[in-house]
Amino acid sequence: MTAIFELPISQEILQPDDIASITGCARKAEQIDWLSRNAWIFFKNKAGEPIVGTFYARLKLAGINPKTIASGEAWQPNFSNLN
């Protein structure tokens, strides 16, 4: 998993085209609705456009819960049901 942290990030935030590609929506209201329904953390700029961090998006798209990393909790397999 460390490889995801080693990939270079050229910009701190996703570009509008990136957000449109992820959400499948061209209009900002629909993008915001999609991001909210799918539990993405984002901010709105003064123009009302959703702003998503590149590193956050990279984690979400890899299936990693960014909140788990931020809290320091590590995922552990549960072997309690194995014989």
PDB file of N, CA and C in Angstrom:
ATOM      1  N   MET A   1       0.819  -1.190   0.000  1.00  0.00           N
ATOM      2  CA  MET A   1       0.000   0.000   0.000  1.00  0.00           C
ATOM      3  C   MET A   1       0.859   1.249   0.000  1.00  0.00           C
ATOM      4  N   THR A   2       2.101   1.143   0.371  1.00  0.00           N
ATOM      5  CA  THR A   2       2.933   2.342   0.408  1.00  0.00           C
ATOM      6  C   THR A   2       3.133   2.933  -0.976  1.00  0.00           C
ATOM      7  N   ALA A   3       2.980   2.144  -2.024  1.00  0.00           N
ATOM      8  CA  ALA A   3       3.167   2.660  -3.378  1.00  0.00           C
ATOM      9  C   ALA A   3       2.202   3.796  -3.677  1.00  0.00           C
ATOM     10  N   ILE A   4       0.994   3.736  -3.154  1.00  0.00           N
ATOM     11  CA  ILE A   4       0.023   4.805  -3.400  1.00  0.00           C
ATOM     12  C   ILE A   4       0.505   6.128  -2.816  1.00  0.00           C
ATOM     13  N   PHE A   5       1.288   6.069  -1.756  1.00  0.00           N
ATOM     14  CA  PHE A   5       1.808   7.281  -1.131  1.00  0.00           C
ATOM     15  C   PHE A   5       3.036   7.812  -1.870  1.00  0.00           C
ATOM     16  N   GLU A   6       3.670   6.969  -2.660  1.00  0.00           N
ATOM     17  CA  GLU A   6       4.901   7.356  -3.344  1.00  0.00           C
ATOM     18  C   GLU A   6       4.676   7.932  -4.731  1.00  0.00           C
ATOM     19  N   LEU A   7       3.466   7.784  -5.283  1.00  0.00           N
ATOM     20  CA  LEU A   7       3.187   8.332  -6.603  1.00  0.00           C
ATOM     21  C   LEU A   7       3.160   9.850  -6.544  1.00  0.00           C
ATOM     22  N   PRO A   8       3.764  10.512  -7.512  1.00  0.00           N
ATOM     23  CA  PRO A   8       3.784  11.980  -7.478  1.00  0.00           C
ATOM     24  C   PRO A   8       2.395  12.568  -7.704  1.00  0.00           C
ATOM     25  N   ILE A   9       2.143  13.671  -7.048  1.00  0.00           N
ATOM     26  CA  ILE A   9       0.886  14.404  -7.217  1.00  0.00           C
ATOM     27  C   ILE A   9       1.253  15.759  -7.807  1.00  0.00           C
ATOM     28  N   SER A  10       0.747  16.030  -9.008  1.00  0.00           N
ATOM     29  CA  SER A  10       1.127  17.264  -9.689  1.00  0.00           C
ATOM     30  C   SER A  10       0.324  18.470  -9.210  1.00  0.00           C
ATOM     31  N   GLN A  11      -0.885  18.235  -8.693  1.00  0.00           N
ATOM     32  CA  GLN A  11      -1.728  19.331  -8.220  1.00  0.00           C
ATOM     33  C   GLN A  11      -2.415  18.914  -6.933  1.00  0.00           C
ATOM     34  N   GLU A  12      -2.686  19.877  -6.079  1.00  0.00           N
ATOM     35  CA  GLU A  12      -3.311  19.589  -4.788  1.00  0.00           C
ATOM     36  C   GLU A  12      -4.794  19.261  -4.907  1.00  0.00           C
ATOM     37  N   ILE A  13      -5.467  19.834  -5.907  1.00  0.00           N
ATOM     38  CA  ILE A  13      -6.904  19.588  -6.056  1.00  0.00           C
ATOM     39  C   ILE A  13      -7.203  19.034  -7.443  1.00  0.00           C
ATOM     40  N   LEU A  14      -8.311  18.308  -7.522  1.00  0.00           N
ATOM     41  CA  LEU A  14      -8.737  17.783  -8.812  1.00  0.00           C
ATOM     42  C   LEU A  14      -9.223  18.918  -9.694  1.00  0.00           C
ATOM     43  N   GLN A  15      -9.015  18.756 -10.972  1.00  0.00           N
ATOM     44  CA  GLN A  15      -9.506  19.723 -11.947  1.00  0.00           C
ATOM     45  C   GLN A  15     -10.989  19.454 -12.208  1.00  0.00           C
ATOM     46  N   PRO A  16     -11.729  20.459 -12.678  1.00  0.00           N
ATOM     47  CA  PRO A  16     -13.170  20.252 -12.948  1.00  0.00           C
ATOM     48  C   PRO A  16     -13.445  19.054 -13.847  1.00  0.00           C
ATOM     49  N   ASP A  17     -12.598  18.806 -14.835  1.00  0.00           N
ATOM     50  CA  ASP A  17     -12.785  17.638 -15.708  1.00  0.00           C
ATOM     51  C   ASP A  17     -12.636  16.333 -14.939  1.00  0.00           C
ATOM     52  N   ASP A  18     -11.734  16.301 -13.959  1.00  0.00           N
ATOM     53  CA  ASP A  18     -11.549  15.108 -13.138  1.00  0.00           C
ATOM     54  C   ASP A  18     -12.803  14.822 -12.320  1.00  0.00           C
ATOM     55  N   ILE A  19     -13.355  15.866 -11.725  1.00  0.00           N
ATOM     56  CA  ILE A  19     -14.563  15.696 -10.909  1.00  0.00           C
ATOM     57  C   ILE A  19     -15.728  15.253 -11.791  1.00  0.00           C
ATOM     58  N   ALA A  20     -15.832  15.827 -12.978  1.00  0.00           N
ATOM     59  CA  ALA A  20     -16.891  15.419 -13.902  1.00  0.00           C
ATOM     60  C   ALA A  20     -16.725  13.957 -14.306  1.00  0.00           C
ATOM     61  N   SER A  21     -15.492  13.527 -14.500  1.00  0.00           N
ATOM     62  CA  SER A  21     -15.239  12.141 -14.876  1.00  0.00           C
ATOM     63  C   SER A  21     -15.589  11.183 -13.741  1.00  0.00           C
ATOM     64  N   ILE A  22     -15.224  11.535 -12.527  1.00  0.00           N
ATOM     65  CA  ILE A  22     -15.515  10.673 -11.373  1.00  0.00           C
ATOM     66  C   ILE A  22     -17.011  10.582 -11.123  1.00  0.00           C
ATOM     67  N   THR A  23     -17.688  11.719 -11.158  1.00  0.00           N
ATOM     68  CA  THR A  23     -19.113  11.749 -10.823  1.00  0.00           C
ATOM     69  C   THR A  23     -20.010  11.359 -11.987  1.00  0.00           C
ATOM     70  N   GLY A  24     -19.510  11.543 -13.201  1.00  0.00           N
ATOM     71  CA  GLY A  24     -20.346  11.296 -14.378  1.00  0.00           C
ATOM     72  C   GLY A  24     -21.342  12.419 -14.613  1.00  0.00           C
ATOM     73  N   CYS A  25     -21.098  13.547 -13.969  1.00  0.00           N
ATOM     74  CA  CYS A  25     -22.015  14.691 -14.054  1.00  0.00           C
ATOM     75  C   CYS A  25     -21.258  15.929 -14.532  1.00  0.00           C
ATOM     76  N   ALA A  26     -21.886  16.702 -15.412  1.00  0.00           N
ATOM     77  CA  ALA A  26     -21.255  17.917 -15.925  1.00  0.00           C
ATOM     78  C   ALA A  26     -21.605  19.138 -15.089  1.00  0.00           C
ATOM     79  N   ARG A  27     -22.819  19.169 -14.533  1.00  0.00           N
ATOM     80  CA  ARG A  27     -23.255  20.346 -13.763  1.00  0.00           C
ATOM     81  C   ARG A  27     -22.819  20.233 -12.307  1.00  0.00           C
ATOM     82  N   LYS A  28     -22.391  21.359 -11.749  1.00  0.00           N
ATOM     83  CA  LYS A  28     -21.842  21.339 -10.388  1.00  0.00           C
ATOM     84  C   LYS A  28     -22.862  20.887  -9.347  1.00  0.00           C
ATOM     85  N   ALA A  29     -24.126  21.219  -9.511  1.00  0.00           N
ATOM     86  CA  ALA A  29     -25.144  20.784  -8.546  1.00  0.00           C
ATOM     87  C   ALA A  29     -25.255  19.259  -8.521  1.00  0.00           C
ATOM     88  N   GLU A  30     -25.190  18.651  -9.696  1.00  0.00           N
ATOM     89  CA  GLU A  30     -25.250  17.185  -9.770  1.00  0.00           C
ATOM     90  C   GLU A  30     -23.967  16.555  -9.227  1.00  0.00           C
ATOM     91  N   GLN A  31     -22.825  17.197  -9.473  1.00  0.00           N
ATOM     92  CA  GLN A  31     -21.564  16.706  -8.927  1.00  0.00           C
ATOM     93  C   GLN A  31     -21.600  16.722  -7.404  1.00  0.00           C
ATOM     94  N   ILE A  32     -22.095  17.816  -6.839  1.00  0.00           N
ATOM     95  CA  ILE A  32     -22.189  17.946  -5.387  1.00  0.00           C
ATOM     96  C   ILE A  32     -23.127  16.892  -4.825  1.00  0.00           C
ATOM     97  N   ASP A  33     -24.233  16.649  -5.508  1.00  0.00           N
ATOM     98  CA  ASP A  33     -25.179  15.624  -5.064  1.00  0.00           C
ATOM     99  C   ASP A  33     -24.516  14.247  -5.083  1.00  0.00           C
ATOM    100  N   TRP A  34     -23.792  13.924  -6.159  1.00  0.00           N
ATOM    101  CA  TRP A  34     -23.120  12.634  -6.255  1.00  0.00           C
ATOM    102  C   TRP A  34     -22.062  12.487  -5.170  1.00  0.00           C
ATOM    103  N   LEU A  35     -21.242  13.513  -4.989  1.00  0.00           N
ATOM    104  CA  LEU A  35     -20.192  13.459  -3.971  1.00  0.00           C
ATOM    105  C   LEU A  35     -20.792  13.254  -2.581  1.00  0.00           C
ATOM    106  N   SER A  36     -21.876  13.954  -2.294  1.00  0.00           N
ATOM    107  CA  SER A  36     -22.532  13.823  -0.984  1.00  0.00           C
ATOM    108  C   SER A  36     -23.113  12.425  -0.795  1.00  0.00           C
ATOM    109  N   ARG A  37     -23.817  11.924  -1.801  1.00  0.00           N
ATOM    110  CA  ARG A  37     -24.430  10.595  -1.700  1.00  0.00           C
ATOM    111  C   ARG A  37     -23.399   9.484  -1.565  1.00  0.00           C
ATOM    112  N   ASN A  38     -22.209   9.696  -2.096  1.00  0.00           N
ATOM    113  CA  ASN A  38     -21.165   8.675  -2.048  1.00  0.00           C
ATOM    114  C   ASN A  38     -20.132   8.934  -0.960  1.00  0.00           C
ATOM    115  N   ALA A  39     -20.479   9.791  -0.015  1.00  0.00           N
ATOM    116  CA  ALA A  39     -19.678  10.051   1.190  1.00  0.00           C
ATOM    117  C   ALA A  39     -18.274  10.571   0.889  1.00  0.00           C
ATOM    118  N   TRP A  40     -18.154  11.436  -0.099  1.00  0.00           N
ATOM    119  CA  TRP A  40     -16.881  12.084  -0.393  1.00  0.00           C
ATOM    120  C   TRP A  40     -16.812  13.382   0.390  1.00  0.00           C
ATOM    121  N   ILE A  41     -15.653  13.678   0.932  1.00  0.00           N
ATOM    122  CA  ILE A  41     -15.442  14.955   1.601  1.00  0.00           C
ATOM    123  C   ILE A  41     -14.983  15.955   0.539  1.00  0.00           C
ATOM    124  N   PHE A  42     -15.643  17.093   0.496  1.00  0.00           N
ATOM    125  CA  PHE A  42     -15.293  18.124  -0.471  1.00  0.00           C
ATOM    126  C   PHE A  42     -15.659  19.480   0.113  1.00  0.00           C
ATOM    127  N   PHE A  43     -15.162  20.497  -0.524  1.00  0.00           N
ATOM    128  CA  PHE A  43     -15.477  21.879  -0.154  1.00  0.00           C
ATOM    129  C   PHE A  43     -16.057  22.552  -1.374  1.00  0.00           C
ATOM    130  N   LYS A  44     -16.761  23.640  -1.163  1.00  0.00           N
ATOM    131  CA  LYS A  44     -17.256  24.431  -2.288  1.00  0.00           C
ATOM    132  C   LYS A  44     -16.497  25.749  -2.319  1.00  0.00           C
ATOM    133  N   ASN A  45     -16.065  26.142  -3.516  1.00  0.00           N
ATOM    134  CA  ASN A  45     -15.409  27.436  -3.631  1.00  0.00           C
ATOM    135  C   ASN A  45     -16.469  28.537  -3.731  1.00  0.00           C
ATOM    136  N   LYS A  46     -16.036  29.757  -3.892  1.00  0.00           N
ATOM    137  CA  LYS A  46     -16.968  30.892  -3.918  1.00  0.00           C
ATOM    138  C   LYS A  46     -17.969  30.783  -5.069  1.00  0.00           C
ATOM    139  N   ALA A  47     -17.564  30.130  -6.150  1.00  0.00           N
ATOM    140  CA  ALA A  47     -18.447  29.940  -7.302  1.00  0.00           C
ATOM    141  C   ALA A  47     -19.401  28.756  -7.112  1.00  0.00           C
ATOM    142  N   GLY A  48     -19.287  28.053  -5.972  1.00  0.00           N
ATOM    143  CA  GLY A  48     -20.159  26.920  -5.695  1.00  0.00           C
ATOM    144  C   GLY A  48     -19.697  25.617  -6.318  1.00  0.00           C
ATOM    145  N   GLU A  49     -18.480  25.595  -6.833  1.00  0.00           N
ATOM    146  CA  GLU A  49     -17.952  24.385  -7.448  1.00  0.00           C
ATOM    147  C   GLU A  49     -17.333  23.477  -6.391  1.00  0.00           C
ATOM    148  N   PRO A  50     -17.513  22.150  -6.534  1.00  0.00           N
ATOM    149  CA  PRO A  50     -16.909  21.236  -5.559  1.00  0.00           C
ATOM    150  C   PRO A  50     -15.397  21.173  -5.720  1.00  0.00           C
ATOM    151  N   ILE A  51     -14.693  21.197  -4.607  1.00  0.00           N
ATOM    152  CA  ILE A  51     -13.242  21.104  -4.577  1.00  0.00           C
ATOM    153  C   ILE A  51     -12.875  19.822  -3.832  1.00  0.00           C
ATOM    154  N   VAL A  52     -12.122  18.951  -4.503  1.00  0.00           N
ATOM    155  CA  VAL A  52     -11.717  17.670  -3.927  1.00  0.00           C
ATOM    156  C   VAL A  52     -10.198  17.577  -3.992  1.00  0.00           C
ATOM    157  N   GLY A  53      -9.588  17.192  -2.897  1.00  0.00           N
ATOM    158  CA  GLY A  53      -8.135  17.017  -2.857  1.00  0.00           C
ATOM    159  C   GLY A  53      -7.705  15.816  -3.676  1.00  0.00           C
ATOM    160  N   THR A  54      -6.592  15.955  -4.356  1.00  0.00           N
ATOM    161  CA  THR A  54      -6.077  14.881  -5.207  1.00  0.00           C
ATOM    162  C   THR A  54      -5.706  13.644  -4.392  1.00  0.00           C
ATOM    163  N   PHE A  55      -5.025  13.834  -3.280  1.00  0.00           N
ATOM    164  CA  PHE A  55      -4.619  12.692  -2.463  1.00  0.00           C
ATOM    165  C   PHE A  55      -5.843  11.970  -1.891  1.00  0.00           C
ATOM    166  N   TYR A  56      -6.839  12.747  -1.438  1.00  0.00           N
ATOM    167  CA  TYR A  56      -8.077  12.162  -0.929  1.00  0.00           C
ATOM    168  C   TYR A  56      -8.751  11.324  -2.017  1.00  0.00           C
ATOM    169  N   ALA A  57      -8.852  11.879  -3.213  1.00  0.00           N
ATOM    170  CA  ALA A  57      -9.494  11.165  -4.323  1.00  0.00           C
ATOM    171  C   ALA A  57      -8.730   9.884  -4.652  1.00  0.00           C
ATOM    172  N   ARG A  58      -7.415   9.965  -4.607  1.00  0.00           N
ATOM    173  CA  ARG A  58      -6.591   8.788  -4.892  1.00  0.00           C
ATOM    174  C   ARG A  58      -6.896   7.666  -3.897  1.00  0.00           C
ATOM    175  N   LEU A  59      -7.024   8.010  -2.627  1.00  0.00           N
ATOM    176  CA  LEU A  59      -7.348   7.004  -1.613  1.00  0.00           C
ATOM    177  C   LEU A  59      -8.745   6.437  -1.829  1.00  0.00           C
ATOM    178  N   LYS A  60      -9.731   7.321  -2.031  1.00  0.00           N
ATOM    179  CA  LYS A  60     -11.115   6.861  -2.231  1.00  0.00           C
ATOM    180  C   LYS A  60     -11.217   5.935  -3.428  1.00  0.00           C
ATOM    181  N   LEU A  61     -10.577   6.300  -4.530  1.00  0.00           N
ATOM    182  CA  LEU A  61     -10.664   5.488  -5.741  1.00  0.00           C
ATOM    183  C   LEU A  61      -9.924   4.168  -5.609  1.00  0.00           C
ATOM    184  N   ALA A  62      -8.999   4.087  -4.663  1.00  0.00           N
ATOM    185  CA  ALA A  62      -8.289   2.830  -4.404  1.00  0.00           C
ATOM    186  C   ALA A  62      -9.046   1.963  -3.393  1.00  0.00           C
ATOM    187  N   GLY A  63     -10.183   2.464  -2.902  1.00  0.00           N
ATOM    188  CA  GLY A  63     -10.968   1.699  -1.944  1.00  0.00           C
ATOM    189  C   GLY A  63     -10.470   1.809  -0.521  1.00  0.00           C
ATOM    190  N   ILE A  64      -9.670   2.824  -0.245  1.00  0.00           N
ATOM    191  CA  ILE A  64      -9.122   3.035   1.093  1.00  0.00           C
ATOM    192  C   ILE A  64      -9.926   4.129   1.774  1.00  0.00           C
ATOM    193  N   ASN A  65     -10.339   3.888   3.000  1.00  0.00           N
ATOM    194  CA  ASN A  65     -11.086   4.897   3.742  1.00  0.00           C
ATOM    195  C   ASN A  65     -10.104   5.911   4.312  1.00  0.00           C
ATOM    196  N   PRO A  66     -10.098   7.137   3.773  1.00  0.00           N
ATOM    197  CA  PRO A  66      -9.154   8.145   4.267  1.00  0.00           C
ATOM    198  C   PRO A  66      -9.295   8.439   5.759  1.00  0.00           C
ATOM    199  N   LYS A  67     -10.491   8.275   6.313  1.00  0.00           N
ATOM    200  CA  LYS A  67     -10.691   8.524   7.744  1.00  0.00           C
ATOM    201  C   LYS A  67      -9.912   7.517   8.584  1.00  0.00           C
ATOM    202  N   THR A  68      -9.794   6.288   8.107  1.00  0.00           N
ATOM    203  CA  THR A  68      -9.043   5.262   8.830  1.00  0.00           C
ATOM    204  C   THR A  68      -7.571   5.634   8.908  1.00  0.00           C
ATOM    205  N   ILE A  69      -7.026   6.128   7.822  1.00  0.00           N
ATOM    206  CA  ILE A  69      -5.615   6.521   7.803  1.00  0.00           C
ATOM    207  C   ILE A  69      -5.389   7.704   8.725  1.00  0.00           C
ATOM    208  N   ALA A  70      -6.285   8.674   8.669  1.00  0.00           N
ATOM    209  CA  ALA A  70      -6.137   9.881   9.488  1.00  0.00           C
ATOM    210  C   ALA A  70      -6.243   9.567  10.980  1.00  0.00           C
ATOM    211  N   SER A  71      -7.049   8.568  11.329  1.00  0.00           N
ATOM    212  CA  SER A  71      -7.230   8.239  12.742  1.00  0.00           C
ATOM    213  C   SER A  71      -6.119   7.345  13.285  1.00  0.00           C
ATOM    214  N   GLY A  72      -5.318   6.780  12.382  1.00  0.00           N
ATOM    215  CA  GLY A  72      -4.238   5.898  12.812  1.00  0.00           C
ATOM    216  C   GLY A  72      -4.685   4.464  13.020  1.00  0.00           C
ATOM    217  N   GLU A  73      -5.960   4.174  12.772  1.00  0.00           N
ATOM    218  CA  GLU A  73      -6.458   2.811  12.905  1.00  0.00           C
ATOM    219  C   GLU A  73      -5.944   1.982  11.736  1.00  0.00           C
ATOM    220  N   ALA A  74      -5.493   0.814  12.013  1.00  0.00           N
ATOM    221  CA  ALA A  74      -5.017  -0.073  10.955  1.00  0.00           C
ATOM    222  C   ALA A  74      -6.040  -1.175  10.737  1.00  0.00           C
ATOM    223  N   TRP A  75      -6.229  -1.555   9.496  1.00  0.00           N
ATOM    224  CA  TRP A  75      -7.120  -2.654   9.195  1.00  0.00           C
ATOM    225  C   TRP A  75      -6.445  -3.943   9.614  1.00  0.00           C
ATOM    226  N   GLN A  76      -7.205  -4.812  10.257  1.00  0.00           N
ATOM    227  CA  GLN A  76      -6.695  -6.103  10.697  1.00  0.00           C
ATOM    228  C   GLN A  76      -7.667  -7.178  10.251  1.00  0.00           C
ATOM    229  N   PRO A  77      -7.166  -8.287   9.736  1.00  0.00           N
ATOM    230  CA  PRO A  77      -8.073  -9.381   9.374  1.00  0.00           C
ATOM    231  C   PRO A  77      -8.651 -10.009  10.633  1.00  0.00           C
ATOM    232  N   ASN A  78      -9.850 -10.536  10.507  1.00  0.00           N
ATOM    233  CA  ASN A  78     -10.516 -11.189  11.623  1.00  0.00           C
ATOM    234  C   ASN A  78     -10.444 -12.702  11.423  1.00  0.00           C
ATOM    235  N   PHE A  79      -9.597 -13.363  12.177  1.00  0.00           N
ATOM    236  CA  PHE A  79      -9.424 -14.805  12.075  1.00  0.00           C
ATOM    237  C   PHE A  79     -10.201 -15.566  13.147  1.00  0.00           C
ATOM    238  N   SER A  80     -11.047 -14.898  13.890  1.00  0.00           N
ATOM    239  CA  SER A  80     -11.723 -15.523  15.029  1.00  0.00           C
ATOM    240  C   SER A  80     -12.654 -16.661  14.629  1.00  0.00           C
ATOM    241  N   ASN A  81     -13.164 -16.652  13.406  1.00  0.00           N
ATOM    242  CA  ASN A  81     -14.095 -17.704  12.979  1.00  0.00           C
ATOM    243  C   ASN A  81     -13.409 -18.880  12.300  1.00  0.00           C
ATOM    244  N   LEU A  82     -12.097 -18.836  12.161  1.00  0.00           N
ATOM    245  CA  LEU A  82     -11.375 -19.921  11.516  1.00  0.00           C
ATOM    246  C   LEU A  82     -11.068 -21.039  12.522  1.00  0.00           C
ATOM    247  N   ASN A  83     -11.121 -22.261  12.050  1.00  0.00           N
ATOM    248  CA  ASN A  83     -10.799 -23.403  12.928  1.00  0.00           C
ATOM    249  C   ASN A  83      -9.365 -23.776  12.793  1.00  0.00           C
TER     250      ASN A  83
END
